[in-house]
Amino acid sequence: MQPTENLNIETFDAMPTPEEIHARVPLSETAEKSVLAGRRAIEAILDRRDPRLLVVVGPCSIHDPVAGLEYARRLKALADEVADTLLLVMRVYFEKPRTATGWKGYINDPRMDDTFRIEEGMQKAREFLLALNELGMPAGTEALDPISPQYLGDLIAWTAIGARTSESQTHREMSSGLSTPVGFKNGTDGSVEAAVNAILSASHPHSFLGINMQGRTSVVRTHGNRYGHLVLRGGGGRPNYDSVSVAIAEQGLAKAKLPQNIVIDCSHANSYKNPERQPLVLHDVVNQIRLGNKSIIGMMIESNLEAGNQSIPEDLSQLKYGCSVTDACVDWPTTEKMLREAYDILRGPLAGRADRKVA
């Protein structure tokens, strides 16, 4: 008989199970406390029990764990300084959705040479997250596929669903079972409808195919995740962080009878993909809060040790240390300045948020 399946598959390479990777890189007691504290703090912000502002800040993607941990140590020191007003969570993205082609991230290609050693990438990603949490720095990441959370989910405090995947039924189902709060980004066309529908969908129980800790294909049955929220990242050639766009997003959430919890992404279309505009976006958002906005509960910033970005050279020794290989970022001095200014402006206004509820 002529074969009718797997015609375009070259090989199926065995992958260690989540249980095996966990055994190689076990969750420590210190890291567990960091993860749980981060999740509880974010949940408290979403529930309006904590008046602070969530800030997910860090490199567009992780490609060098040494530089990543240097960034983390700097961020931890700053996080401690501003902790009464801002809750800092480090952006730790290992998987990169590509519009067409390109490097797909540290898990997929950890050696950055198209050898796609995914087993190695998954273990190294877990090692990085463990080290980060042992510093006391909670991690936020994007969930790009429904398999990785079984390998890494116990080390994550906040999860994003990207603009390209908020419409995906697979990602909505997966989000309903994640153990973290989940931010759904508006679509690449700028519409918030898909993200609002995703929040609503993920808040309900689902049953779908996935894997368990032993790597066996399973029917996954979830409780639903009540900590979904909206991330405005711009789209369709225009930003959507302005007060009018925020008000329209609030109306969309209210119409769906969802909490009016909004995170503003200072990068991507909100900055016209120009990292130098991120401080301007942040300043505008901070002023909206200062003037009484109640729905904005967080912000995202793409930041690295060095400004800008770089192409991946054939000779990896030529990579510039601490500089992004994906989207361009603001540098560390700019990051410090942005967050200190936000802290100084918001200390008073955020204290007054403690008793308010936005439904």
Protein backbone atom coordinates (compact mmCIF):
# COMPACT_ATOMS: atom_id res chain seq x y z
CA MET A 1 0.00 0.00 0.00
CA GLN A 2 1.10 3.54 -0.67
CA PRO A 3 1.75 5.57 2.52
CA THR A 4 -0.75 8.34 3.24
CA GLU A 5 0.62 9.92 6.42
CA ASN A 6 3.81 11.65 7.64
CA LEU A 7 4.81 12.27 4.03
CA ASN A 8 6.58 15.51 4.93
CA ILE A 9 8.11 14.30 8.19
CA GLU A 10 11.83 13.52 8.14
CA THR A 11 12.15 11.97 11.62
CA PHE A 12 10.51 11.75 15.03
CA ASP A 13 13.32 12.32 17.56
CA ALA A 14 12.58 11.20 21.11
CA MET A 15 12.28 14.00 23.67
CA PRO A 16 12.79 13.51 27.43
CA THR A 17 9.51 13.67 29.31
CA PRO A 18 8.65 16.68 31.49
CA GLU A 19 9.21 14.43 34.52
CA GLU A 20 12.74 13.60 33.32
CA ILE A 21 13.67 17.24 32.69
CA HIS A 22 12.26 18.17 36.12
CA ALA A 23 14.42 15.46 37.69
CA ARG A 24 17.53 16.86 35.99
CA VAL A 25 16.71 20.42 37.10
CA PRO A 26 14.49 20.13 40.20
CA LEU A 27 12.55 23.01 41.67
CA SER A 28 14.32 24.25 44.80
CA GLU A 29 12.55 25.51 47.92
CA THR A 30 13.92 29.01 47.35
CA ALA A 31 12.69 29.09 43.75
CA GLU A 32 9.29 27.72 44.76
CA LYS A 33 8.83 30.56 47.25
CA SER A 34 9.77 33.11 44.57
CA VAL A 35 7.32 31.68 42.04
CA LEU A 36 4.43 31.51 44.49
CA ALA A 37 5.10 34.99 45.87
CA GLY A 38 5.19 36.41 42.34
CA ARG A 39 1.93 34.74 41.31
CA ARG A 40 0.14 35.78 44.49
CA ALA A 41 1.29 39.39 44.11
CA ILE A 42 0.08 39.56 40.49
CA GLU A 43 -3.24 37.96 41.43
CA ALA A 44 -3.63 40.52 44.22
CA ILE A 45 -3.03 43.36 41.73
CA LEU A 46 -5.66 41.90 39.38
CA ASP A 47 -8.09 41.46 42.29
CA ARG A 48 -7.42 45.09 43.36
CA ARG A 49 -6.17 43.92 46.75
CA ASP A 50 -2.73 45.36 45.93
CA PRO A 51 -2.55 48.92 44.52
CA ARG A 52 0.88 48.48 42.94
CA LEU A 53 1.57 48.46 39.22
CA LEU A 54 2.83 45.30 37.51
CA VAL A 55 5.83 45.90 35.23
CA VAL A 56 7.02 43.03 33.00
CA VAL A 57 10.44 44.20 31.86
CA GLY A 58 13.40 42.52 30.21
CA PRO A 59 14.98 41.37 26.95
CA CYS A 60 12.85 40.71 23.89
CA SER A 61 14.32 37.21 24.04
CA ILE A 62 16.95 35.29 25.98
CA HIS A 63 19.86 34.01 23.92
CA ASP A 64 22.79 34.34 26.37
CA PRO A 65 22.05 33.08 29.89
CA VAL A 66 25.14 34.81 31.33
CA ALA A 67 24.02 38.23 30.12
CA GLY A 68 20.45 37.35 31.08
CA LEU A 69 21.42 36.68 34.69
CA GLU A 70 23.53 39.83 34.86
CA TYR A 71 20.43 41.74 33.77
CA ALA A 72 18.39 39.84 36.37
CA ARG A 73 20.74 40.83 39.20
CA ARG A 74 20.50 44.49 38.24
CA LEU A 75 16.72 44.22 37.95
CA LYS A 76 16.41 42.54 41.34
CA ALA A 77 18.28 45.40 43.04
CA LEU A 78 15.99 47.93 41.34
CA ALA A 79 12.90 45.84 42.13
CA ASP A 80 13.72 45.98 45.84
CA GLU A 81 14.04 49.77 45.68
CA VAL A 82 10.65 50.37 44.05
CA ALA A 83 8.78 47.43 45.62
CA ASP A 84 6.25 49.57 47.51
CA THR A 85 4.87 50.97 44.21
CA LEU A 86 5.99 48.74 41.32
CA LEU A 87 6.03 44.95 41.11
CA LEU A 88 8.82 44.10 38.68
CA VAL A 89 8.67 40.76 36.83
CA MET A 90 11.47 39.86 34.42
CA ARG A 91 10.48 39.25 30.84
CA VAL A 92 11.98 35.83 29.93
CA TYR A 93 11.00 34.82 26.40
CA PHE A 94 12.47 31.57 25.08
CA GLU A 95 10.16 31.01 22.11
CA LYS A 96 9.77 33.57 19.33
CA PRO A 97 6.87 33.50 16.88
CA ARG A 98 8.15 34.58 13.47
CA THR A 99 6.14 36.36 10.80
CA ALA A 100 8.02 34.34 8.16
CA THR A 101 11.41 32.88 9.07
CA GLY A 102 14.20 33.57 11.55
CA TRP A 103 15.67 32.35 14.82
CA LYS A 104 12.81 30.82 16.78
CA GLY A 105 14.33 31.13 20.22
CA TYR A 106 16.52 29.57 22.88
CA ILE A 107 14.46 26.40 23.32
CA ASN A 108 14.20 25.68 19.61
CA ASP A 109 17.81 26.49 18.69
CA PRO A 110 19.94 27.10 21.79
CA ARG A 111 23.24 27.05 19.88
CA MET A 112 21.94 29.57 17.31
CA ASP A 113 23.33 27.46 14.46
CA ASP A 114 20.19 25.80 13.01
CA THR A 115 20.94 22.49 14.75
CA PHE A 116 17.63 22.69 16.67
CA ARG A 117 18.77 20.84 19.78
CA ILE A 118 15.41 21.23 21.51
CA GLU A 119 16.18 18.80 24.34
CA GLU A 120 19.24 20.88 25.25
CA GLY A 121 17.28 24.12 24.87
CA MET A 122 14.48 22.95 27.14
CA GLN A 123 16.90 21.92 29.90
CA LYS A 124 18.91 25.14 29.62
CA ALA A 125 15.73 27.21 29.70
CA ARG A 126 14.72 25.45 32.91
CA GLU A 127 18.18 26.01 34.39
CA PHE A 128 17.91 29.74 33.60
CA LEU A 129 14.45 30.03 35.17
CA LEU A 130 15.63 28.20 38.28
CA ALA A 131 18.62 30.54 38.70
CA LEU A 132 16.39 33.56 38.13
CA ASN A 133 13.87 32.52 40.76
CA GLU A 134 16.63 31.69 43.22
CA LEU A 135 17.63 35.36 42.93
CA GLY A 136 14.10 36.18 44.07
CA MET A 137 13.10 37.53 40.64
CA PRO A 138 9.76 36.24 39.27
CA ALA A 139 9.58 35.40 35.56
CA GLY A 140 7.08 36.25 32.85
CA THR A 141 7.08 34.46 29.50
CA GLU A 142 5.04 33.85 26.37
CA ALA A 143 3.34 30.47 25.98
CA LEU A 144 3.82 29.70 22.33
CA ASP A 145 3.11 25.96 22.28
CA PRO A 146 0.97 23.75 24.54
CA ILE A 147 3.84 21.37 25.37
CA SER A 148 6.42 23.68 27.00
CA PRO A 149 4.32 24.58 30.07
CA GLN A 150 4.63 20.99 31.30
CA TYR A 151 8.41 21.43 31.25
CA LEU A 152 8.69 24.98 32.59
CA GLY A 153 5.35 26.04 34.08
CA ASP A 154 6.33 25.52 37.73
CA LEU A 155 8.95 28.28 37.36
CA ILE A 156 6.71 30.94 35.74
CA ALA A 157 4.76 33.69 37.56
CA TRP A 158 3.05 35.42 34.59
CA THR A 159 2.25 34.31 31.05
CA ALA A 160 1.50 36.20 27.85
CA ILE A 161 -0.42 34.96 24.83
CA GLY A 162 0.88 36.85 21.82
CA ALA A 163 -0.93 38.89 19.21
CA ARG A 164 -0.61 36.09 16.65
CA THR A 165 -2.08 33.44 18.95
CA SER A 166 -4.82 35.17 20.99
CA GLU A 167 -7.33 33.96 18.38
CA SER A 168 -6.08 30.37 18.58
CA GLN A 169 -8.46 27.92 20.21
CA THR A 170 -5.45 25.81 21.23
CA HIS A 171 -3.94 28.71 23.19
CA ARG A 172 -7.25 29.65 24.80
CA GLU A 173 -7.72 26.06 25.98
CA MET A 174 -4.15 25.86 27.23
CA SER A 175 -4.51 29.18 29.10
CA SER A 176 -7.56 27.85 30.92
CA GLY A 177 -5.27 25.35 32.63
CA LEU A 178 -2.16 27.46 33.26
CA SER A 179 -1.21 28.05 36.89
CA THR A 180 -0.36 31.72 36.27
CA PRO A 181 -2.27 34.88 35.43
CA VAL A 182 -2.39 35.25 31.63
CA GLY A 183 -2.22 38.44 29.57
CA PHE A 184 -3.82 38.21 26.12
CA LYS A 185 -2.48 40.67 23.55
CA ASN A 186 -4.74 42.41 21.09
CA GLY A 187 -4.46 41.22 17.49
CA THR A 188 -1.84 42.45 15.04
CA ASP A 189 -4.61 44.46 13.35
CA GLY A 190 -5.15 46.40 16.59
CA SER A 191 -8.53 44.86 17.39
CA VAL A 192 -9.21 43.96 21.02
CA GLU A 193 -12.18 41.70 20.24
CA ALA A 194 -10.13 38.52 19.81
CA ALA A 195 -8.27 39.11 23.08
CA VAL A 196 -11.49 39.83 24.99
CA ASN A 197 -13.02 36.64 23.59
CA ALA A 198 -9.86 34.77 24.58
CA ILE A 199 -10.06 36.02 28.18
CA LEU A 200 -13.69 34.93 28.32
CA SER A 201 -12.94 31.53 26.79
CA ALA A 202 -9.96 30.83 29.06
CA SER A 203 -12.02 31.62 32.15
CA HIS A 204 -14.12 28.52 31.48
CA PRO A 205 -13.21 24.81 31.81
CA HIS A 206 -11.97 23.02 28.69
CA SER A 207 -11.03 19.50 27.63
CA PHE A 208 -8.34 19.06 25.00
CA LEU A 209 -5.41 16.89 23.93
CA GLY A 210 -2.04 17.45 25.57
CA ILE A 211 0.71 15.59 27.40
CA ASN A 212 1.10 14.70 31.06
CA MET A 213 4.28 14.76 33.14
CA GLN A 214 5.18 11.30 31.89
CA GLY A 215 5.03 12.57 28.29
CA ARG A 216 1.95 10.53 27.48
CA THR A 217 -0.75 11.94 25.22
CA SER A 218 -3.67 12.77 27.50
CA VAL A 219 -7.05 14.41 27.60
CA VAL A 220 -6.39 17.53 29.65
CA ARG A 221 -9.38 18.79 31.63
CA THR A 222 -9.09 22.26 33.16
CA HIS A 223 -10.84 24.35 35.80
CA GLY A 224 -10.65 27.63 33.87
CA ASN A 225 -8.37 30.57 34.64
CA ARG A 226 -10.00 33.62 36.19
CA TYR A 227 -6.85 35.75 35.98
CA GLY A 228 -6.93 36.51 32.26
CA HIS A 229 -6.43 40.17 31.34
CA LEU A 230 -5.92 42.38 28.29
CA VAL A 231 -2.56 43.57 26.94
CA LEU A 232 -2.68 46.52 24.54
CA ARG A 233 0.32 46.42 22.17
CA GLY A 234 -0.93 48.51 19.25
CA GLY A 235 -1.54 47.17 15.76
CA GLY A 236 -2.87 47.93 12.32
CA GLY A 237 -0.21 50.60 11.93
CA ARG A 238 -1.15 52.60 15.01
CA PRO A 239 -0.67 52.63 18.79
CA ASN A 240 -3.50 51.97 21.25
CA TYR A 241 -2.05 53.16 24.57
CA ASP A 242 -3.76 56.58 24.42
CA SER A 243 -6.67 57.39 26.73
CA VAL A 244 -9.28 57.01 23.97
CA SER A 245 -8.01 53.55 23.00
CA VAL A 246 -7.88 52.55 26.66
CA ALA A 247 -11.49 53.73 27.14
CA ILE A 248 -12.60 51.68 24.10
CA ALA A 249 -10.83 48.62 25.55
CA GLU A 250 -12.53 49.21 28.90
CA GLN A 251 -15.91 49.25 27.15
CA GLY A 252 -15.11 45.99 25.37
CA LEU A 253 -14.21 44.30 28.65
CA ALA A 254 -17.29 45.72 30.40
CA LYS A 255 -19.57 44.52 27.59
CA ALA A 256 -18.17 41.00 28.05
CA LYS A 257 -18.71 41.37 31.84
CA LEU A 258 -14.97 40.97 32.45
CA PRO A 259 -12.81 42.86 34.95
CA GLN A 260 -11.30 46.00 33.43
CA ASN A 261 -7.69 44.93 33.87
CA ILE A 262 -5.36 46.32 31.20
CA VAL A 263 -1.60 46.06 30.70
CA ILE A 264 0.06 48.47 28.26
CA ASP A 265 2.93 47.11 26.17
CA CYS A 266 5.28 50.06 25.61
CA SER A 267 6.95 48.30 22.68
CA HIS A 268 5.78 46.74 19.39
CA ALA A 269 3.22 48.82 17.50
CA ASN A 270 2.76 51.16 20.48
CA SER A 271 6.29 52.44 19.87
CA TYR A 272 6.18 51.90 16.10
CA LYS A 273 8.87 49.27 16.81
CA ASN A 274 11.27 52.06 17.75
CA PRO A 275 12.66 51.35 21.24
CA GLU A 276 13.55 55.01 21.73
CA ARG A 277 9.81 55.75 21.87
CA GLN A 278 9.20 53.36 24.79
CA PRO A 279 9.94 56.05 27.42
CA LEU A 280 7.39 58.34 25.74
CA VAL A 281 4.74 55.62 25.86
CA LEU A 282 5.53 54.90 29.51
CA HIS A 283 5.34 58.59 30.40
CA ASP A 284 1.90 58.91 28.76
CA VAL A 285 0.58 55.82 30.56
CA VAL A 286 1.96 56.98 33.90
CA ASN A 287 0.20 60.30 33.42
CA GLN A 288 -3.09 58.55 32.65
CA ILE A 289 -2.80 56.76 35.99
CA ARG A 290 -1.78 59.97 37.76
CA LEU A 291 -4.87 61.68 36.36
CA GLY A 292 -7.16 58.97 37.68
CA ASN A 293 -7.23 56.01 35.29
CA LYS A 294 -8.34 52.91 37.19
CA SER A 295 -8.08 50.14 34.57
CA ILE A 296 -4.34 50.16 33.76
CA ILE A 297 -2.75 47.67 36.14
CA GLY A 298 0.55 47.05 34.39
CA MET A 299 3.08 47.77 31.67
CA MET A 300 5.56 45.86 29.53
CA ILE A 301 9.00 47.14 28.48
CA GLU A 302 11.55 45.55 26.14
CA SER A 303 14.90 46.24 27.77
CA ASN A 304 18.41 44.82 27.74
CA LEU A 305 21.90 45.64 28.98
CA GLU A 306 22.68 47.37 25.68
CA ALA A 307 20.44 49.39 23.38
CA GLY A 308 19.20 48.29 19.96
CA ASN A 309 19.56 44.86 18.40
CA GLN A 310 21.92 42.87 16.20
CA SER A 311 21.85 40.21 13.51
CA ILE A 312 23.11 36.75 14.39
CA PRO A 313 26.57 36.40 12.80
CA GLU A 314 28.01 33.15 11.49
CA ASP A 315 30.85 33.58 13.99
CA LEU A 316 28.95 33.73 17.28
CA SER A 317 32.01 35.12 19.06
CA GLN A 318 31.21 38.38 17.26
CA LEU A 319 27.90 38.78 19.11
CA LYS A 320 27.73 41.97 21.14
CA TYR A 321 27.27 41.11 24.82
CA GLY A 322 23.91 42.07 26.31
CA CYS A 323 22.35 43.17 23.02
CA SER A 324 19.12 41.69 21.61
CA VAL A 325 19.13 39.39 18.58
CA THR A 326 15.38 39.88 18.04
CA ASP A 327 13.49 43.16 18.64
CA ALA A 328 15.48 46.25 19.57
CA CYS A 329 15.45 47.20 23.26
CA VAL A 330 16.22 50.19 25.46
CA ASP A 331 19.47 49.89 27.43
CA TRP A 332 19.85 49.45 31.17
CA PRO A 333 20.46 53.13 32.07
CA THR A 334 17.30 54.08 30.16
CA THR A 335 15.37 51.30 31.89
CA GLU A 336 16.46 52.52 35.32
CA LYS A 337 15.50 56.10 34.44
CA MET A 338 12.08 55.04 33.12
CA LEU A 339 11.22 52.98 36.17
CA ARG A 340 12.55 55.48 38.72
CA GLU A 341 10.55 58.28 37.11
CA ALA A 342 7.41 56.13 37.08
CA TYR A 343 8.04 55.28 40.73
CA ASP A 344 8.44 58.93 41.74
CA ILE A 345 5.26 60.00 39.92
CA LEU A 346 3.04 57.09 40.98
CA ARG A 347 3.87 56.63 44.66
CA GLY A 348 1.04 58.92 45.74
CA PRO A 349 -1.60 58.14 43.08
CA LEU A 350 -1.23 54.37 43.42
CA ALA A 351 -1.59 54.52 47.19
CA GLY A 352 -5.05 55.96 46.58
CA ARG A 353 -6.04 52.95 44.47
CA ALA A 354 -6.05 50.56 47.40
CA ASP A 355 -9.79 50.65 47.98
CA ARG A 356 -11.07 50.87 44.43
CA LYS A 357 -12.59 48.06 42.39
CA VAL A 358 -13.11 48.17 38.61
CA ALA A 359 -15.55 45.56 37.32
